[in-house]
N, C-alpha and C. Protein backbone atom coordinates (compact mmCIF):
# COMPACT_ATOMS: atom_id res chain seq x y z
N MET A 1 146.12 153.31 90.21
CA MET A 1 146.65 151.93 89.60
C MET A 1 145.62 151.29 88.24
N PRO A 2 144.75 151.70 87.59
CA PRO A 2 144.42 150.74 86.92
C PRO A 2 145.15 150.45 85.65
N ASN A 3 145.07 149.27 85.17
CA ASN A 3 145.96 148.95 84.16
C ASN A 3 144.77 148.42 82.78
N LEU A 4 144.77 149.02 81.53
CA LEU A 4 144.10 148.85 80.84
C LEU A 4 145.41 147.75 79.93
N VAL A 5 144.98 146.76 79.69
CA VAL A 5 145.38 145.90 78.49
C VAL A 5 144.66 145.56 77.33
N LEU A 6 144.71 145.64 76.02
CA LEU A 6 144.16 145.42 74.85
C LEU A 6 144.96 144.09 74.64
N GLU A 7 144.63 143.07 74.07
CA GLU A 7 144.80 142.26 73.91
C GLU A 7 144.22 141.93 71.95
N TYR A 8 145.25 141.48 71.16
CA TYR A 8 144.50 141.64 69.71
C TYR A 8 144.92 140.22 69.08
N SER A 9 144.00 139.89 68.16
CA SER A 9 144.96 138.55 67.29
C SER A 9 145.77 139.89 65.95
N ASN A 10 146.33 138.59 65.67
CA ASN A 10 147.40 139.53 64.57
C ASN A 10 146.85 140.08 63.59
N SER A 11 146.01 139.63 63.22
CA SER A 11 144.99 139.65 61.90
C SER A 11 144.60 141.09 62.15
N VAL A 12 144.22 141.66 63.21
CA VAL A 12 143.56 143.07 63.13
C VAL A 12 144.57 144.05 62.98
N ASP A 13 146.01 143.72 63.14
CA ASP A 13 146.78 144.75 62.95
C ASP A 13 146.78 145.40 61.37
N GLU A 14 146.67 144.46 60.53
CA GLU A 14 146.07 145.33 59.04
C GLU A 14 145.04 145.97 59.04
N ARG A 15 143.92 146.31 59.64
CA ARG A 15 142.46 146.62 59.49
C ARG A 15 142.31 147.75 60.43
N VAL A 16 143.47 147.47 61.83
CA VAL A 16 142.87 148.78 63.19
C VAL A 16 143.98 149.34 63.05
N ASN A 17 143.71 150.42 63.46
CA ASN A 17 144.96 151.19 63.54
C ASN A 17 145.09 151.53 65.56
N ILE A 18 146.25 150.34 65.92
CA ILE A 18 145.75 149.76 67.21
C ILE A 18 146.87 150.95 68.18
N GLN A 19 147.54 151.73 67.36
CA GLN A 19 148.54 152.63 68.77
C GLN A 19 147.27 153.85 68.80
N GLY A 20 146.48 154.14 67.76
CA GLY A 20 145.22 154.91 67.90
C GLY A 20 144.21 154.78 69.09
N LEU A 21 144.15 153.41 68.67
CA LEU A 21 142.52 152.90 69.81
C LEU A 21 142.70 152.73 71.13
N LEU A 22 144.38 152.33 70.87
CA LEU A 22 144.98 151.94 72.26
C LEU A 22 144.97 153.83 72.98
N GLU A 23 145.26 155.01 72.22
CA GLU A 23 146.00 156.29 72.61
C GLU A 23 144.11 156.38 73.04
N ASP A 24 143.16 156.48 72.32
CA ASP A 24 141.70 156.78 72.91
C ASP A 24 140.89 156.13 73.76
N LEU A 25 141.45 154.33 73.61
CA LEU A 25 140.50 153.92 75.27
C LEU A 25 141.61 154.50 76.62
N HIS A 26 142.93 154.89 76.32
CA HIS A 26 143.85 155.81 77.40
C HIS A 26 143.26 156.43 78.18
N GLN A 27 142.61 157.72 76.63
CA GLN A 27 142.05 159.08 76.85
C GLN A 27 140.81 158.72 77.86
N VAL A 28 139.59 157.75 77.26
CA VAL A 28 138.65 157.38 77.96
C VAL A 28 139.00 156.68 79.89
N ALA A 29 140.09 156.41 80.23
CA ALA A 29 140.13 156.07 81.38
C ALA A 29 140.89 157.78 82.23
N LEU A 30 141.72 158.33 81.37
CA LEU A 30 141.91 159.82 81.70
C LEU A 30 140.77 160.56 82.67
N THR A 31 139.86 160.73 81.55
CA THR A 31 138.70 161.70 81.59
C THR A 31 137.52 161.13 82.50
N CYS A 32 137.56 159.53 82.96
CA CYS A 32 136.49 159.39 83.51
C CYS A 32 136.15 159.57 84.72
N GLY A 33 136.90 160.47 85.53
CA GLY A 33 137.12 160.65 86.56
C GLY A 33 137.40 159.76 87.52
N LEU A 34 137.73 158.63 87.42
CA LEU A 34 137.70 157.39 88.36
C LEU A 34 139.22 157.36 89.10
N PHE A 35 139.96 157.93 88.47
CA PHE A 35 141.56 157.14 88.46
C PHE A 35 142.25 158.71 88.90
N ASP A 36 143.21 158.36 89.38
CA ASP A 36 144.71 159.81 89.96
C ASP A 36 145.23 159.11 88.54
N VAL A 37 145.34 160.85 87.28
CA VAL A 37 145.70 160.58 85.98
C VAL A 37 147.50 159.52 85.82
N PRO A 38 148.09 160.68 86.86
CA PRO A 38 149.41 159.63 86.45
C PRO A 38 149.42 158.37 87.05
N SER A 39 148.50 157.69 87.76
CA SER A 39 148.99 156.44 87.71
C SER A 39 148.30 155.24 87.12
N VAL A 40 147.36 156.02 85.75
CA VAL A 40 146.79 155.42 84.62
C VAL A 40 147.73 154.67 83.65
N LYS A 41 147.65 153.17 83.39
CA LYS A 41 148.72 152.59 82.51
C LYS A 41 148.14 151.57 81.43
N SER A 42 148.55 151.68 79.87
CA SER A 42 147.53 151.41 78.86
C SER A 42 148.49 150.56 78.29
N ARG A 43 148.40 149.28 77.94
CA ARG A 43 149.77 148.64 76.64
C ARG A 43 148.63 147.84 75.85
N SER A 44 149.23 147.17 75.14
CA SER A 44 148.94 146.86 73.86
C SER A 44 149.82 145.27 74.04
N LEU A 45 148.88 143.92 73.41
CA LEU A 45 149.75 142.83 73.34
C LEU A 45 148.73 142.38 72.06
N ARG A 46 149.67 142.09 71.45
CA ARG A 46 149.49 141.44 69.89
C ARG A 46 149.53 139.53 70.47
N CYS A 47 148.91 139.42 69.54
CA CYS A 47 148.72 137.49 69.99
C CYS A 47 148.56 136.61 68.46
N HIS A 48 149.83 136.01 68.62
CA HIS A 48 150.13 135.19 67.23
C HIS A 48 149.22 134.27 66.98
N ASN A 49 149.01 133.15 68.24
CA ASN A 49 148.04 132.06 68.32
C ASN A 49 147.17 132.24 69.46
N TRP A 50 146.00 132.11 68.66
CA TRP A 50 144.38 131.91 69.55
C TRP A 50 144.00 130.81 69.09
N LEU A 51 142.75 130.52 69.74
CA LEU A 51 141.57 129.28 69.21
C LEU A 51 140.49 130.14 69.59
N VAL A 52 139.42 130.69 68.58
CA VAL A 52 137.79 130.55 69.34
C VAL A 52 136.81 129.20 68.55
N GLY A 53 136.17 128.61 69.21
CA GLY A 53 135.26 127.46 69.53
C GLY A 53 135.74 126.92 68.55
N ASP A 54 134.85 126.16 67.94
CA ASP A 54 135.60 125.49 66.42
C ASP A 54 136.22 126.39 65.08
N GLU A 55 136.02 127.49 65.35
CA GLU A 55 136.74 128.12 63.81
C GLU A 55 138.08 128.35 64.12
N GLU A 56 138.39 128.20 65.41
CA GLU A 56 140.21 127.91 65.63
C GLU A 56 140.73 129.83 65.62
N ASP A 57 141.78 129.66 64.71
CA ASP A 57 142.27 130.98 64.01
C ASP A 57 141.57 131.75 63.57
N SER A 58 140.20 131.47 63.07
CA SER A 58 139.67 132.45 61.71
C SER A 58 138.75 133.45 62.56
N VAL A 59 138.88 133.75 63.37
CA VAL A 59 138.06 134.65 64.30
C VAL A 59 138.85 135.51 64.61
N ASP A 60 138.50 136.64 64.26
CA ASP A 60 139.68 137.77 65.14
C ASP A 60 139.24 138.32 66.04
N PHE A 61 139.82 139.05 67.15
CA PHE A 61 139.27 139.86 68.11
C PHE A 61 140.06 140.94 68.56
N ILE A 62 139.35 141.39 69.56
CA ILE A 62 140.66 142.41 70.38
C ILE A 62 139.08 142.18 71.75
N HIS A 63 140.36 142.31 72.76
CA HIS A 63 139.72 142.22 74.16
C HIS A 63 140.79 142.96 75.01
N ILE A 64 139.23 143.46 75.45
CA ILE A 64 140.15 144.89 76.82
C ILE A 64 140.02 144.26 77.98
N SER A 65 141.08 143.86 78.86
CA SER A 65 141.22 144.11 80.81
C SER A 65 141.84 144.66 80.93
N PHE A 66 140.26 145.76 82.29
CA PHE A 66 140.85 146.87 82.70
C PHE A 66 141.01 146.13 84.00
N GLU A 67 141.57 145.98 84.93
CA GLU A 67 142.38 146.31 86.60
C GLU A 67 142.40 147.13 86.69
N LEU A 68 141.07 147.38 88.03
CA LEU A 68 141.57 148.54 88.83
C LEU A 68 141.36 148.35 90.47
N LEU A 69 141.65 148.95 91.29
CA LEU A 69 141.57 148.81 92.72
C LEU A 69 139.98 148.89 93.05
N SER A 70 139.65 147.69 94.28
CA SER A 70 138.31 147.96 94.72
C SER A 70 138.15 148.95 95.23
N GLY A 71 136.78 149.32 94.81
CA GLY A 71 136.35 150.74 95.90
C GLY A 71 134.98 151.59 94.88
N ARG A 72 135.00 150.98 93.32
CA ARG A 72 134.15 151.44 92.45
C ARG A 72 133.16 151.23 92.64
N THR A 73 131.66 151.90 92.44
CA THR A 73 130.11 151.24 92.47
C THR A 73 130.24 150.14 90.92
N GLU A 74 129.38 149.51 91.07
CA GLU A 74 129.20 148.76 89.89
C GLU A 74 128.25 149.97 88.74
N GLU A 75 128.09 150.91 88.91
CA GLU A 75 127.51 151.89 87.97
C GLU A 75 128.46 152.30 87.83
N GLN A 76 129.51 152.83 88.14
CA GLN A 76 130.77 153.58 87.35
C GLN A 76 131.97 152.56 86.87
N LYS A 77 131.76 151.36 87.07
CA LYS A 77 132.28 150.62 86.19
C LYS A 77 131.51 149.82 85.30
N ARG A 78 130.43 149.83 84.75
CA ARG A 78 129.39 149.59 84.16
C ARG A 78 129.58 150.79 82.87
N GLU A 79 129.54 151.98 83.31
CA GLU A 79 129.81 153.24 82.77
C GLU A 79 131.18 153.28 81.85
N LEU A 80 132.12 153.02 82.75
CA LEU A 80 133.26 152.90 81.95
C LEU A 80 133.71 151.78 81.19
N SER A 81 133.01 150.36 81.93
CA SER A 81 132.86 149.58 80.10
C SER A 81 132.62 149.97 79.05
N ARG A 82 131.35 150.50 79.66
CA ARG A 82 130.19 151.00 77.72
C ARG A 82 131.39 152.22 77.04
N SER A 83 132.22 153.03 77.63
CA SER A 83 133.06 153.69 77.26
C SER A 83 133.94 153.14 76.75
N LEU A 84 134.21 152.09 77.17
CA LEU A 84 135.74 151.75 76.47
C LEU A 84 135.17 151.09 75.13
N MET A 85 133.73 150.06 74.96
CA MET A 85 133.14 149.70 74.06
C MET A 85 132.52 150.59 72.92
N GLN A 86 132.41 151.51 73.31
CA GLN A 86 131.70 152.55 72.47
C GLN A 86 133.20 153.17 71.54
N ILE A 87 134.12 153.10 71.71
CA ILE A 87 135.65 153.27 70.84
C ILE A 87 135.56 151.86 70.60
N LEU A 88 136.05 150.83 71.12
CA LEU A 88 135.86 149.71 70.40
C LEU A 88 135.15 149.80 68.91
N GLN A 89 134.03 149.84 69.24
CA GLN A 89 132.98 149.70 68.09
C GLN A 89 132.84 150.82 66.67
N GLU A 90 133.25 151.74 67.53
CA GLU A 90 133.80 152.83 66.55
C GLU A 90 135.02 153.10 65.80
N GLN A 91 136.07 152.26 66.01
CA GLN A 91 137.16 152.27 65.54
C GLN A 91 137.24 150.51 64.70
N ALA A 92 136.23 149.87 65.04
CA ALA A 92 137.54 148.43 64.91
C ALA A 92 135.67 147.48 64.76
N SER A 93 134.83 147.83 64.41
CA SER A 93 132.96 147.38 63.93
C SER A 93 133.51 146.40 63.01
N HIS A 94 134.41 146.18 62.19
CA HIS A 94 134.73 144.99 61.31
C HIS A 94 135.27 143.79 62.15
N VAL A 95 135.70 144.17 63.46
CA VAL A 95 136.44 142.88 63.78
C VAL A 95 135.40 142.25 64.57
N ARG A 96 135.63 140.74 64.54
CA ARG A 96 134.58 140.00 64.51
C ARG A 96 133.82 139.90 66.26
N SER A 97 134.86 139.64 67.18
CA SER A 97 134.70 139.63 68.64
C SER A 97 135.40 141.20 69.12
N LEU A 98 134.41 141.40 69.92
CA LEU A 98 135.05 142.85 70.68
C LEU A 98 134.66 142.17 72.13
N THR A 99 135.38 142.38 73.18
CA THR A 99 134.88 142.14 74.62
C THR A 99 136.13 143.08 75.16
N VAL A 100 134.87 143.29 76.66
CA VAL A 100 135.56 144.30 77.64
C VAL A 100 135.29 143.94 78.86
N ASN A 101 136.41 143.64 80.32
CA ASN A 101 135.96 142.97 81.45
C ASN A 101 136.87 143.96 81.62
N ILE A 102 135.71 144.45 83.00
CA ILE A 102 136.62 145.06 84.18
C ILE A 102 136.99 144.45 85.51
N ARG A 103 137.42 144.54 86.01
CA ARG A 103 138.06 143.83 87.50
C ARG A 103 138.38 144.10 88.35
N ASP A 104 138.16 143.83 89.55
CA ASP A 104 138.86 144.15 91.08
C ASP A 104 139.75 143.75 91.23
N MET A 105 140.38 144.48 91.80
CA MET A 105 141.62 143.99 92.52
C MET A 105 141.62 144.16 93.77
N ASP A 106 142.31 143.27 94.94
CA ASP A 106 142.28 143.08 95.76
C ASP A 106 143.15 144.21 96.78
N LYS A 107 142.49 145.41 97.72
CA LYS A 107 143.44 146.26 97.79
C LYS A 107 144.46 145.85 98.75
N SER A 108 144.26 145.27 99.20
CA SER A 108 145.19 144.38 100.95
C SER A 108 146.09 143.59 99.88
N CYS A 109 145.82 143.26 98.39
CA CYS A 109 147.04 142.42 98.37
C CYS A 109 147.95 143.10 97.32
N PHE A 110 147.68 144.31 96.74
CA PHE A 110 148.29 145.25 95.90
C PHE A 110 149.69 145.76 96.57
N GLN A 111 150.78 145.37 95.46
CA GLN A 111 152.04 146.22 95.62
C GLN A 111 152.36 147.26 94.83
N LYS A 112 152.92 148.59 95.21
CA LYS A 112 153.55 149.19 94.35
C LYS A 112 154.11 149.59 94.71
N VAL A 113 155.95 149.94 93.57
CA VAL A 113 157.38 150.81 94.39
C VAL A 113 156.55 151.45 93.37
N ILE A 114 157.61 153.27 93.89
CA ILE A 114 157.10 154.12 92.95
C ILE A 114 158.90 154.57 92.99
N ASN A 115 159.88 154.57 91.51
CA ASN A 115 161.22 155.12 92.06
C ASN A 115 161.10 156.79 91.71
C-alpha cells in the first residue's frame, strides 16, 4: 500500500521531465523488494503557490512523500530514501531544494477497499 507523492514547484516543470521522473521513482518502489507490486501507487502534484524562508517563491523544489504501512526496518526505509534521492539528484540536480520523507502509517487505522 505504499503511496509516493511527488510535489514540485511549477517552475520545475520547464526544466524537469516530471512524468519521466515519476516513472523512474515508481520503478524504484516496484523493484526494491519491500512491497506487493500491484499495491504501489505514485502520483505528482504541481504546486502553484509556495513560500520558502524569506526567499518566498524564488526557491524551486521537489519533495517526495513516501507513505508505507509500518513494519519495515529503519535500514530498509533509509535505503529506500537513498534510492529515491539518487534518482532525484540524477534528473533534477539543478533544482535548488530536493527532499525525501519516508513516513510510516499505522496499520490498525488504515482502511482499503478494492472493487
